[in-house]
All heavy atoms as atom14 arrays in JSON, in Angstrom:
{
  "sequence": "IGTALISLYANSGCLEFARKVFDEMPYRDKFCFNAMIR",
  "atom14_mask": [
    [1, 1, 1, 1, 1, 1, 1, 1, 0, 0, 0, 0, 0, 0],
    [1, 1, 1, 1, 0, 0, 0, 0, 0, 0, 0, 0, 0, 0],
    [1, 1, 1, 1, 1, 1, 1, 0, 0, 0, 0, 0, 0, 0],
    [1, 1, 1, 1, 1, 0, 0, 0, 0, 0, 0, 0, 0, 0],
    [1, 1, 1, 1, 1, 1, 1, 1, 0, 0, 0, 0, 0, 0],
    [1, 1, 1, 1, 1, 1, 1, 1, 0, 0, 0, 0, 0, 0],
    [1, 1, 1, 1, 1, 1, 0, 0, 0, 0, 0, 0, 0, 0],
    [1, 1, 1, 1, 1, 1, 1, 1, 0, 0, 0, 0, 0, 0],
    [1, 1, 1, 1, 1, 1, 1, 1, 1, 1, 1, 1, 0, 0],
    [1, 1, 1, 1, 1, 0, 0, 0, 0, 0, 0, 0, 0, 0],
    [1, 1, 1, 1, 1, 1, 1, 1, 0, 0, 0, 0, 0, 0],
    [1, 1, 1, 1, 1, 1, 0, 0, 0, 0, 0, 0, 0, 0],
    [1, 1, 1, 1, 0, 0, 0, 0, 0, 0, 0, 0, 0, 0],
    [1, 1, 1, 1, 1, 1, 0, 0, 0, 0, 0, 0, 0, 0],
    [1, 1, 1, 1, 1, 1, 1, 1, 0, 0, 0, 0, 0, 0],
    [1, 1, 1, 1, 1, 1, 1, 1, 1, 0, 0, 0, 0, 0],
    [1, 1, 1, 1, 1, 1, 1, 1, 1, 1, 1, 0, 0, 0],
    [1, 1, 1, 1, 1, 0, 0, 0, 0, 0, 0, 0, 0, 0],
    [1, 1, 1, 1, 1, 1, 1, 1, 1, 1, 1, 0, 0, 0],
    [1, 1, 1, 1, 1, 1, 1, 1, 1, 0, 0, 0, 0, 0],
    [1, 1, 1, 1, 1, 1, 1, 0, 0, 0, 0, 0, 0, 0],
    [1, 1, 1, 1, 1, 1, 1, 1, 1, 1, 1, 0, 0, 0],
    [1, 1, 1, 1, 1, 1, 1, 1, 0, 0, 0, 0, 0, 0],
    [1, 1, 1, 1, 1, 1, 1, 1, 1, 0, 0, 0, 0, 0],
    [1, 1, 1, 1, 1, 1, 1, 1, 0, 0, 0, 0, 0, 0],
    [1, 1, 1, 1, 1, 1, 1, 0, 0, 0, 0, 0, 0, 0],
    [1, 1, 1, 1, 1, 1, 1, 1, 1, 1, 1, 1, 0, 0],
    [1, 1, 1, 1, 1, 1, 1, 1, 1, 1, 1, 0, 0, 0],
    [1, 1, 1, 1, 1, 1, 1, 1, 0, 0, 0, 0, 0, 0],
    [1, 1, 1, 1, 1, 1, 1, 1, 1, 0, 0, 0, 0, 0],
    [1, 1, 1, 1, 1, 1, 1, 1, 1, 1, 1, 0, 0, 0],
    [1, 1, 1, 1, 1, 1, 0, 0, 0, 0, 0, 0, 0, 0],
    [1, 1, 1, 1, 1, 1, 1, 1, 1, 1, 1, 0, 0, 0],
    [1, 1, 1, 1, 1, 1, 1, 1, 0, 0, 0, 0, 0, 0],
    [1, 1, 1, 1, 1, 0, 0, 0, 0, 0, 0, 0, 0, 0],
    [1, 1, 1, 1, 1, 1, 1, 1, 0, 0, 0, 0, 0, 0],
    [1, 1, 1, 1, 1, 1, 1, 1, 0, 0, 0, 0, 0, 0],
    [1, 1, 1, 1, 1, 1, 1, 1, 1, 1, 1, 0, 0, 0]
  ],
  "atom14_positions": [
    [[124.05, 88.69, 83.03], [124.26, 88.91, 84.46], [123.06, 88.38, 85.25], [123.22, 87.74, 86.3], [124.5, 90.4, 84.76], [125.87, 90.83, 84.21], [124.41, 90.69, 86.25], [126.2, 92.29, 84.42], [0.0, 0.0, 0.0], [0.0, 0.0, 0.0], [0.0, 0.0, 0.0], [0.0, 0.0, 0.0], [0.0, 0.0, 0.0], [0.0, 0.0, 0.0]],
    [[121.85, 88.6, 84.74], [120.65, 88.14, 85.42], [120.63, 86.63, 85.58], [120.32, 86.11, 86.67], [0.0, 0.0, 0.0], [0.0, 0.0, 0.0], [0.0, 0.0, 0.0], [0.0, 0.0, 0.0], [0.0, 0.0, 0.0], [0.0, 0.0, 0.0], [0.0, 0.0, 0.0], [0.0, 0.0, 0.0], [0.0, 0.0, 0.0], [0.0, 0.0, 0.0]],
    [[120.96, 85.9, 84.52], [120.98, 84.44, 84.59], [122.01, 83.95, 85.6], [121.75, 83.02, 86.37], [121.26, 83.84, 83.21], [120.25, 84.26, 82.29], [121.3, 82.32, 83.26], [0.0, 0.0, 0.0], [0.0, 0.0, 0.0], [0.0, 0.0, 0.0], [0.0, 0.0, 0.0], [0.0, 0.0, 0.0], [0.0, 0.0, 0.0], [0.0, 0.0, 0.0]],
    [[123.19, 84.59, 85.61], [124.23, 84.21, 86.57], [123.77, 84.46, 88.0], [124.01, 83.64, 88.9], [125.52, 84.99, 86.28], [0.0, 0.0, 0.0], [0.0, 0.0, 0.0], [0.0, 0.0, 0.0], [0.0, 0.0, 0.0], [0.0, 0.0, 0.0], [0.0, 0.0, 0.0], [0.0, 0.0, 0.0], [0.0, 0.0, 0.0], [0.0, 0.0, 0.0]],
    [[123.09, 85.59, 88.25], [122.61, 85.91, 89.6], [121.5, 84.94, 90.01], [121.43, 84.53, 91.19], [122.09, 87.34, 89.65], [123.16, 88.44, 89.66], [122.53, 89.82, 89.48], [123.99, 88.39, 90.95], [0.0, 0.0, 0.0], [0.0, 0.0, 0.0], [0.0, 0.0, 0.0], [0.0, 0.0, 0.0], [0.0, 0.0, 0.0], [0.0, 0.0, 0.0]],
    [[120.63, 84.56, 89.1], [119.59, 83.58, 89.42], [120.24, 82.27, 89.87], [119.84, 81.68, 90.9], [118.68, 83.34, 88.2], [117.82, 84.58, 87.92], [117.78, 82.12, 88.42], [117.12, 84.54, 86.58], [0.0, 0.0, 0.0], [0.0, 0.0, 0.0], [0.0, 0.0, 0.0], [0.0, 0.0, 0.0], [0.0, 0.0, 0.0], [0.0, 0.0, 0.0]],
    [[121.25, 81.82, 89.14], [121.94, 80.59, 89.5], [122.66, 80.74, 90.84], [122.68, 79.8, 91.65], [122.95, 80.2, 88.41], [122.3, 79.92, 87.2], [0.0, 0.0, 0.0], [0.0, 0.0, 0.0], [0.0, 0.0, 0.0], [0.0, 0.0, 0.0], [0.0, 0.0, 0.0], [0.0, 0.0, 0.0], [0.0, 0.0, 0.0], [0.0, 0.0, 0.0]],
    [[123.26, 81.92, 91.07], [123.94, 82.17, 92.34], [122.99, 81.98, 93.52], [123.27, 81.21, 94.45], [124.51, 83.59, 92.36], [124.89, 84.13, 93.75], [126.13, 83.42, 94.27], [125.08, 85.63, 93.72], [0.0, 0.0, 0.0], [0.0, 0.0, 0.0], [0.0, 0.0, 0.0], [0.0, 0.0, 0.0], [0.0, 0.0, 0.0], [0.0, 0.0, 0.0]],
    [[121.88, 82.69, 93.49], [120.98, 82.65, 94.64], [120.28, 81.29, 94.76], [120.07, 80.8, 95.87], [119.96, 83.79, 94.55], [120.58, 85.14, 94.77], [120.46, 86.17, 93.85], [121.35, 85.38, 95.92], [121.05, 87.41, 94.07], [121.94, 86.62, 96.13], [121.79, 87.63, 95.21], [122.39, 88.85, 95.43], [0.0, 0.0, 0.0], [0.0, 0.0, 0.0]],
    [[119.96, 80.68, 93.63], [119.35, 79.34, 93.69], [120.33, 78.33, 94.27], [119.97, 77.51, 95.11], [118.9, 78.91, 92.3], [0.0, 0.0, 0.0], [0.0, 0.0, 0.0], [0.0, 0.0, 0.0], [0.0, 0.0, 0.0], [0.0, 0.0, 0.0], [0.0, 0.0, 0.0], [0.0, 0.0, 0.0], [0.0, 0.0, 0.0], [0.0, 0.0, 0.0]],
    [[121.59, 78.38, 93.84], [122.6, 77.44, 94.32], [123.04, 77.71, 95.74], [123.69, 76.87, 96.36], [123.84, 77.46, 93.4], [123.61, 76.71, 92.11], [122.48, 76.3, 91.81], [124.66, 76.5, 91.35], [0.0, 0.0, 0.0], [0.0, 0.0, 0.0], [0.0, 0.0, 0.0], [0.0, 0.0, 0.0], [0.0, 0.0, 0.0], [0.0, 0.0, 0.0]],
    [[122.74, 78.91, 96.26], [123.11, 79.26, 97.63], [121.95, 79.07, 98.59], [122.06, 79.41, 99.78], [123.59, 80.72, 97.69], [124.69, 80.93, 96.83], [0.0, 0.0, 0.0], [0.0, 0.0, 0.0], [0.0, 0.0, 0.0], [0.0, 0.0, 0.0], [0.0, 0.0, 0.0], [0.0, 0.0, 0.0], [0.0, 0.0, 0.0], [0.0, 0.0, 0.0]],
    [[120.85, 78.55, 98.1], [119.71, 78.3, 98.96], [118.8, 79.48, 99.16], [117.87, 79.43, 99.98], [0.0, 0.0, 0.0], [0.0, 0.0, 0.0], [0.0, 0.0, 0.0], [0.0, 0.0, 0.0], [0.0, 0.0, 0.0], [0.0, 0.0, 0.0], [0.0, 0.0, 0.0], [0.0, 0.0, 0.0], [0.0, 0.0, 0.0], [0.0, 0.0, 0.0]],
    [[119.03, 80.58, 98.45], [118.2, 81.79, 98.58], [117.25, 81.89, 97.4], [117.4, 82.76, 96.52], [119.08, 83.03, 98.66], [120.14, 83.08, 100.11], [0.0, 0.0, 0.0], [0.0, 0.0, 0.0], [0.0, 0.0, 0.0], [0.0, 0.0, 0.0], [0.0, 0.0, 0.0], [0.0, 0.0, 0.0], [0.0, 0.0, 0.0], [0.0, 0.0, 0.0]],
    [[116.3, 81.0, 97.35], [115.42, 80.92, 96.19], [114.58, 82.18, 96.02], [114.29, 82.59, 94.9], [114.51, 79.7, 96.32], [113.79, 79.26, 95.06], [114.77, 78.9, 93.95], [112.87, 78.07, 95.34], [0.0, 0.0, 0.0], [0.0, 0.0, 0.0], [0.0, 0.0, 0.0], [0.0, 0.0, 0.0], [0.0, 0.0, 0.0], [0.0, 0.0, 0.0]],
    [[114.23, 82.81, 97.15], [113.42, 84.03, 97.05], [114.19, 85.16, 96.38], [113.62, 85.96, 95.62], [112.92, 84.48, 98.43], [113.99, 84.91, 99.41], [114.72, 83.77, 100.11], [114.52, 82.6, 99.72], [115.49, 84.04, 101.04], [0.0, 0.0, 0.0], [0.0, 0.0, 0.0], [0.0, 0.0, 0.0], [0.0, 0.0, 0.0], [0.0, 0.0, 0.0]],
    [[115.51, 85.25, 96.61], [116.33, 86.25, 95.94], [116.44, 85.94, 94.45], [116.43, 86.84, 93.61], [117.73, 86.31, 96.56], [117.79, 87.02, 97.88], [116.66, 87.55, 98.46], [118.99, 87.15, 98.56], [116.7, 88.2, 99.68], [119.06, 87.8, 99.78], [117.9, 88.33, 100.34], [0.0, 0.0, 0.0], [0.0, 0.0, 0.0], [0.0, 0.0, 0.0]],
    [[116.58, 84.65, 94.13], [116.66, 84.25, 92.72], [115.4, 84.69, 91.98], [115.46, 85.24, 90.88], [116.85, 82.74, 92.61], [0.0, 0.0, 0.0], [0.0, 0.0, 0.0], [0.0, 0.0, 0.0], [0.0, 0.0, 0.0], [0.0, 0.0, 0.0], [0.0, 0.0, 0.0], [0.0, 0.0, 0.0], [0.0, 0.0, 0.0], [0.0, 0.0, 0.0]],
    [[114.24, 84.45, 92.6], [112.98, 84.82, 91.95], [112.84, 86.33, 91.85], [112.27, 86.85, 90.87], [111.8, 84.23, 92.73], [110.45, 84.39, 92.02], [110.51, 83.74, 90.63], [109.37, 84.05, 89.81], [108.38, 83.19, 89.55], [108.39, 81.98, 90.09], [107.39, 83.52, 88.76], [0.0, 0.0, 0.0], [0.0, 0.0, 0.0], [0.0, 0.0, 0.0]],
    [[113.37, 87.06, 92.85], [113.3, 88.52, 92.8], [114.11, 89.06, 91.62], [113.65, 89.94, 90.88], [113.84, 89.11, 94.11], [113.63, 90.62, 94.27], [114.04, 91.06, 95.67], [113.66, 92.53, 95.92], [114.36, 93.46, 95.06], [0.0, 0.0, 0.0], [0.0, 0.0, 0.0], [0.0, 0.0, 0.0], [0.0, 0.0, 0.0], [0.0, 0.0, 0.0]],
    [[115.32, 88.51, 91.43], [116.13, 88.91, 90.28], [115.39, 88.59, 88.99], [115.31, 89.42, 88.07], [117.5, 88.2, 90.3], [118.25, 88.42, 88.98], [118.36, 88.7, 91.46], [0.0, 0.0, 0.0], [0.0, 0.0, 0.0], [0.0, 0.0, 0.0], [0.0, 0.0, 0.0], [0.0, 0.0, 0.0], [0.0, 0.0, 0.0], [0.0, 0.0, 0.0]],
    [[114.84, 87.39, 88.9], [114.12, 86.98, 87.69], [112.97, 87.94, 87.39], [112.79, 88.38, 86.25], [113.59, 85.56, 87.89], [112.78, 85.04, 86.74], [113.41, 84.47, 85.64], [111.4, 85.12, 86.74], [112.66, 84.0, 84.56], [110.65, 84.64, 85.69], [111.28, 84.08, 84.59], [0.0, 0.0, 0.0], [0.0, 0.0, 0.0], [0.0, 0.0, 0.0]],
    [[112.19, 88.27, 88.42], [111.02, 89.13, 88.22], [111.4, 90.56, 87.85], [110.63, 91.26, 87.19], [110.15, 89.14, 89.49], [109.46, 87.81, 89.72], [109.31, 87.04, 88.74], [109.08, 87.53, 90.87], [0.0, 0.0, 0.0], [0.0, 0.0, 0.0], [0.0, 0.0, 0.0], [0.0, 0.0, 0.0], [0.0, 0.0, 0.0], [0.0, 0.0, 0.0]],
    [[112.59, 91.01, 88.28], [113.0, 92.39, 88.02], [113.73, 92.57, 86.69], [113.99, 93.71, 86.28], [113.91, 92.88, 89.16], [113.18, 93.09, 90.48], [114.11, 93.54, 91.59], [115.35, 93.54, 91.36], [113.61, 93.89, 92.67], [0.0, 0.0, 0.0], [0.0, 0.0, 0.0], [0.0, 0.0, 0.0], [0.0, 0.0, 0.0], [0.0, 0.0, 0.0]],
    [[114.04, 91.48, 86.0], [114.78, 91.61, 84.75], [113.89, 92.26, 83.68], [112.76, 91.81, 83.45], [115.26, 90.23, 84.28], [116.33, 89.63, 85.17], [116.84, 87.99, 84.62], [117.61, 88.4, 83.05], [0.0, 0.0, 0.0], [0.0, 0.0, 0.0], [0.0, 0.0, 0.0], [0.0, 0.0, 0.0], [0.0, 0.0, 0.0], [0.0, 0.0, 0.0]],
    [[114.4, 93.3, 83.01], [113.59, 93.98, 82.0], [113.38, 93.13, 80.75], [112.39, 93.3, 80.03], [114.41, 95.24, 81.68], [115.81, 94.89, 82.06], [115.71, 93.96, 83.22], [0.0, 0.0, 0.0], [0.0, 0.0, 0.0], [0.0, 0.0, 0.0], [0.0, 0.0, 0.0], [0.0, 0.0, 0.0], [0.0, 0.0, 0.0], [0.0, 0.0, 0.0]],
    [[114.31, 92.24, 80.5], [114.17, 91.35, 79.35], [114.67, 89.97, 79.75], [115.74, 89.82, 80.33], [114.97, 91.85, 78.14], [114.97, 90.87, 76.99], [113.86, 90.76, 76.16], [116.05, 90.02, 76.77], [113.84, 89.84, 75.11], [116.04, 89.09, 75.72], [114.92, 89.01, 74.9], [114.9, 88.09, 73.89], [0.0, 0.0, 0.0], [0.0, 0.0, 0.0]],
    [[113.87, 88.94, 79.47], [114.24, 87.57, 79.82], [114.28, 86.73, 78.55], [113.45, 86.9, 77.65], [113.23, 86.98, 80.81], [113.22, 87.67, 82.15], [112.32, 86.92, 83.14], [110.91, 87.12, 82.86], [110.13, 87.99, 83.49], [110.64, 88.75, 84.45], [108.86, 88.11, 83.17], [0.0, 0.0, 0.0], [0.0, 0.0, 0.0], [0.0, 0.0, 0.0]],
    [[115.23, 85.82, 78.5], [115.29, 84.9, 77.38], [115.14, 83.47, 77.9], [114.88, 83.24, 79.09], [116.58, 85.07, 76.57], [117.83, 84.74, 77.37], [117.71, 84.29, 78.54], [118.93, 84.92, 76.85], [0.0, 0.0, 0.0], [0.0, 0.0, 0.0], [0.0, 0.0, 0.0], [0.0, 0.0, 0.0], [0.0, 0.0, 0.0], [0.0, 0.0, 0.0]],
    [[115.3, 82.53, 77.02], [115.12, 81.12, 77.36], [116.07, 80.68, 78.47], [115.7, 79.88, 79.33], [115.34, 80.28, 76.1], [115.33, 78.79, 76.31], [115.4, 78.07, 74.98], [116.66, 78.4, 74.22], [116.74, 77.71, 72.91], [0.0, 0.0, 0.0], [0.0, 0.0, 0.0], [0.0, 0.0, 0.0], [0.0, 0.0, 0.0], [0.0, 0.0, 0.0]],
    [[117.3, 81.23, 78.45], [118.3, 80.8, 79.44], [117.93, 81.28, 80.84], [118.19, 80.59, 81.83], [119.68, 81.3, 79.02], [120.08, 80.84, 77.65], [120.02, 81.7, 76.56], [120.47, 79.53, 77.44], [120.36, 81.27, 75.29], [120.82, 79.08, 76.17], [120.76, 79.95, 75.1], [0.0, 0.0, 0.0], [0.0, 0.0, 0.0], [0.0, 0.0, 0.0]],
    [[117.33, 82.46, 80.95], [116.86, 82.95, 82.25], [115.78, 82.03, 82.79], [115.79, 81.66, 83.98], [116.31, 84.37, 82.14], [117.43, 85.57, 81.42], [0.0, 0.0, 0.0], [0.0, 0.0, 0.0], [0.0, 0.0, 0.0], [0.0, 0.0, 0.0], [0.0, 0.0, 0.0], [0.0, 0.0, 0.0], [0.0, 0.0, 0.0], [0.0, 0.0, 0.0]],
    [[114.83, 81.66, 81.92], [113.77, 80.75, 82.35], [114.36, 79.4, 82.78], [113.95, 78.83, 83.79], [112.76, 80.55, 81.22], [111.7, 81.61, 81.17], [111.81, 82.68, 80.29], [110.58, 81.54, 81.99], [110.83, 83.66, 80.23], [109.59, 82.51, 81.94], [109.72, 83.58, 81.06], [0.0, 0.0, 0.0], [0.0, 0.0, 0.0], [0.0, 0.0, 0.0]],
    [[115.31, 78.89, 81.99], [115.92, 77.6, 82.33], [116.57, 77.63, 83.71], [116.43, 76.7, 84.5], [116.97, 77.22, 81.28], [116.35, 76.76, 79.97], [115.13, 76.58, 79.88], [117.17, 76.56, 78.96], [0.0, 0.0, 0.0], [0.0, 0.0, 0.0], [0.0, 0.0, 0.0], [0.0, 0.0, 0.0], [0.0, 0.0, 0.0], [0.0, 0.0, 0.0]],
    [[117.3, 78.73, 83.98], [117.99, 78.85, 85.27], [116.99, 78.89, 86.42], [117.18, 78.26, 87.47], [118.87, 80.1, 85.29], [0.0, 0.0, 0.0], [0.0, 0.0, 0.0], [0.0, 0.0, 0.0], [0.0, 0.0, 0.0], [0.0, 0.0, 0.0], [0.0, 0.0, 0.0], [0.0, 0.0, 0.0], [0.0, 0.0, 0.0], [0.0, 0.0, 0.0]],
    [[115.9, 79.63, 86.24], [114.9, 79.75, 87.31], [114.13, 78.45, 87.49], [113.85, 78.04, 88.63], [113.95, 80.91, 86.99], [113.08, 81.35, 88.16], [114.03, 82.07, 89.52], [113.62, 80.96, 90.85], [0.0, 0.0, 0.0], [0.0, 0.0, 0.0], [0.0, 0.0, 0.0], [0.0, 0.0, 0.0], [0.0, 0.0, 0.0], [0.0, 0.0, 0.0]],
    [[113.78, 77.79, 86.39], [113.08, 76.51, 86.49], [113.96, 75.48, 87.2], [113.51, 74.73, 88.08], [112.66, 76.0, 85.1], [111.57, 76.91, 84.51], [112.15, 74.57, 85.17], [111.25, 76.63, 83.06], [0.0, 0.0, 0.0], [0.0, 0.0, 0.0], [0.0, 0.0, 0.0], [0.0, 0.0, 0.0], [0.0, 0.0, 0.0], [0.0, 0.0, 0.0]],
    [[115.25, 75.46, 86.83], [116.18, 74.53, 87.49], [116.29, 74.84, 88.97], [116.33, 73.93, 89.82], [117.55, 74.62, 86.83], [118.6, 73.76, 87.53], [119.99, 73.94, 86.95], [120.97, 73.27, 87.79], [121.54, 73.82, 88.86], [121.22, 75.05, 89.21], [122.42, 73.14, 89.57], [0.0, 0.0, 0.0], [0.0, 0.0, 0.0], [0.0, 0.0, 0.0]]
  ]
}
């Protein structure tokens, strides 16, 4: 869900929301990082 939300906010132009979701995730994997880097 976190990776999907990161992509949602990044693709909608709300990069600050994407980063907020990323920072609040209790556990992150490679795919979360990929979505945020993209």
